[in-house]
Amino acid sequence: MRLNEVVFNDAKPVEGYGPGFFRIGGEVVQGAVITSSSGTRTWGGMDDIAALEDLVAQSDVIFIGTGAQIAHLPVGLRDKLEQAGVGVEAMASPAAARTYNVLLSEGRRVSLAMLPV
C-alpha cells in the first residue's frame, strides 16, 4: 500500500475537539467556530447568518456542525445560503469536522461552522 502525506494548502484542518473547544491548525478556539481558506474565527451560532454569508464566495459547500447531536438548521438560515448558490450540509460537529478534513485534503472549496460538543 502506498501512503501519501496530506497537504493542506490555504485552510487548516480540525485536529481535535472537546467540551466547549476545537483545535484547528494547532490553535485552540473556545466556543462556536468558523474555519475556511480565509482563516479561523469565532462564530455567533445559528443566528449569525452574516458570518456564513461571508463564506459563500469561497465555498462550494458549507458544513454546519450542530453540536454533539445532529439537528435541523433553522429554515431561514438554510434558505438564505441555498439561495446564494452554496450547498449546505448539517451534521453533528464531530462528523462535520471529519468530512471537512477529508474534502479539504482533496483540495475542495469547503468551509465549516461548528457549535461545540
Protein backbone atom coordinates (compact mmCIF):
# COMPACT_ATOMS: atom_id res chain seq x y z
CA MET A 1 0.00 0.00 0.00
CA ARG A 2 1.27 3.47 -0.86
CA LEU A 3 0.65 6.22 1.68
CA ASN A 4 0.78 9.89 0.79
CA GLU A 5 1.21 12.72 3.23
CA VAL A 6 -1.82 15.00 3.28
CA VAL A 7 -1.02 18.60 2.44
CA PHE A 8 -3.46 21.36 3.36
CA ASN A 9 -2.92 24.45 1.23
CA ASP A 10 -4.86 27.51 2.42
CA ALA A 11 -7.18 26.24 5.13
CA LYS A 12 -6.21 24.46 8.33
CA PRO A 13 -7.65 21.07 9.36
CA VAL A 14 -9.62 20.37 12.52
CA GLU A 15 -7.21 18.43 14.72
CA GLY A 16 -9.39 17.86 17.76
CA TYR A 17 -12.32 18.95 19.89
CA GLY A 18 -13.66 18.60 23.38
CA PRO A 19 -16.23 20.09 25.71
CA GLY A 20 -16.56 23.69 24.55
CA PHE A 21 -13.48 23.92 22.30
CA PHE A 22 -11.92 23.00 18.95
CA ARG A 23 -8.24 22.65 17.96
CA ILE A 24 -7.74 23.92 14.40
CA GLY A 25 -4.31 24.17 12.81
CA GLY A 26 -2.62 23.93 16.19
CA GLU A 27 -4.68 26.67 17.84
CA VAL A 28 -7.42 26.16 20.42
CA VAL A 29 -10.65 28.08 19.84
CA GLN A 30 -13.26 28.26 22.60
CA GLY A 31 -16.94 28.05 21.68
CA ALA A 32 -18.54 28.05 18.24
CA VAL A 33 -16.12 28.44 15.32
CA ILE A 34 -15.91 29.07 11.58
CA THR A 35 -12.95 27.89 9.54
CA SER A 36 -12.20 28.16 5.84
CA SER A 37 -9.45 29.16 3.44
CA SER A 38 -9.75 32.73 4.75
CA GLY A 39 -8.94 31.71 8.33
CA THR A 40 -10.49 30.64 11.60
CA ARG A 41 -12.65 32.81 13.84
CA THR A 42 -15.34 32.55 16.48
CA TRP A 43 -18.94 32.26 15.35
CA GLY A 44 -22.11 33.64 16.94
CA GLY A 45 -24.06 30.42 16.28
CA MET A 46 -27.15 29.79 14.16
CA ASP A 47 -28.32 33.40 14.48
CA ASP A 48 -25.07 34.69 12.95
CA ILE A 49 -26.14 34.30 9.31
CA ALA A 50 -23.96 37.18 8.11
CA ALA A 51 -20.77 35.31 9.08
CA LEU A 52 -21.89 32.33 7.00
CA GLU A 53 -22.83 34.55 4.05
CA ASP A 54 -19.19 35.73 4.00
CA LEU A 55 -18.20 32.13 3.14
CA VAL A 56 -20.41 31.85 0.04
CA ALA A 57 -17.90 33.27 -2.46
CA GLN A 58 -15.14 30.90 -1.37
CA SER A 59 -17.14 27.69 -0.86
CA ASP A 60 -18.93 25.08 -2.89
CA VAL A 61 -20.35 23.61 0.30
CA ILE A 62 -20.57 24.76 3.91
CA PHE A 63 -20.69 22.08 6.58
CA ILE A 64 -22.53 23.11 9.72
CA GLY A 65 -21.81 21.14 12.88
CA THR A 66 -24.82 21.23 15.16
CA GLY A 67 -23.04 20.13 18.35
CA ALA A 68 -22.94 16.66 19.85
CA GLN A 69 -26.11 15.54 18.02
CA ILE A 70 -27.43 16.21 14.55
CA ALA A 71 -30.18 18.81 14.43
CA HIS A 72 -32.15 20.62 11.77
CA LEU A 73 -30.94 24.01 10.66
CA PRO A 74 -33.26 26.98 11.04
CA VAL A 75 -35.24 27.27 7.80
CA GLY A 76 -34.22 30.89 7.24
CA LEU A 77 -30.54 30.01 7.51
CA ARG A 78 -30.71 27.10 5.08
CA ASP A 79 -32.86 29.03 2.58
CA LYS A 80 -30.60 32.09 2.63
CA LEU A 81 -27.45 30.07 1.95
CA GLU A 82 -29.03 27.88 -0.72
CA GLN A 83 -30.44 30.94 -2.50
CA ALA A 84 -26.89 32.32 -2.56
CA GLY A 85 -25.89 29.21 -4.52
CA VAL A 86 -23.88 27.25 -1.96
CA GLY A 87 -24.53 23.72 -0.71
CA VAL A 88 -25.32 23.39 2.99
CA GLU A 89 -24.92 20.17 4.97
CA ALA A 90 -25.87 19.88 8.64
CA MET A 91 -24.45 17.11 10.79
CA ALA A 92 -23.13 16.56 14.30
CA SER A 93 -19.95 18.59 14.84
CA PRO A 94 -17.59 15.55 15.04
CA ALA A 95 -18.90 14.25 11.69
CA ALA A 96 -18.77 17.73 10.15
CA ALA A 97 -15.12 18.12 11.20
CA ARG A 98 -14.15 14.74 9.71
CA THR A 99 -15.98 15.41 6.45
CA TYR A 100 -14.46 18.88 6.19
CA ASN A 101 -10.95 17.47 6.69
CA VAL A 102 -11.40 14.81 4.00
CA LEU A 103 -12.70 17.25 1.39
CA LEU A 104 -10.10 19.84 2.39
CA SER A 105 -7.34 17.27 1.84
CA GLU A 106 -8.71 16.74 -1.68
CA GLY A 107 -8.33 20.45 -2.41
CA ARG A 108 -12.08 21.13 -2.46
CA ARG A 109 -13.60 24.57 -1.74
CA VAL A 110 -15.23 23.86 1.62
CA SER A 111 -15.99 25.82 4.78
CA LEU A 112 -17.03 24.72 8.22
CA ALA A 113 -19.10 26.27 11.01
CA MET A 114 -19.46 24.29 14.24
CA LEU A 115 -21.19 24.52 17.57
CA PRO A 116 -19.17 22.91 20.38
CA VAL A 117 -19.94 19.46 21.74
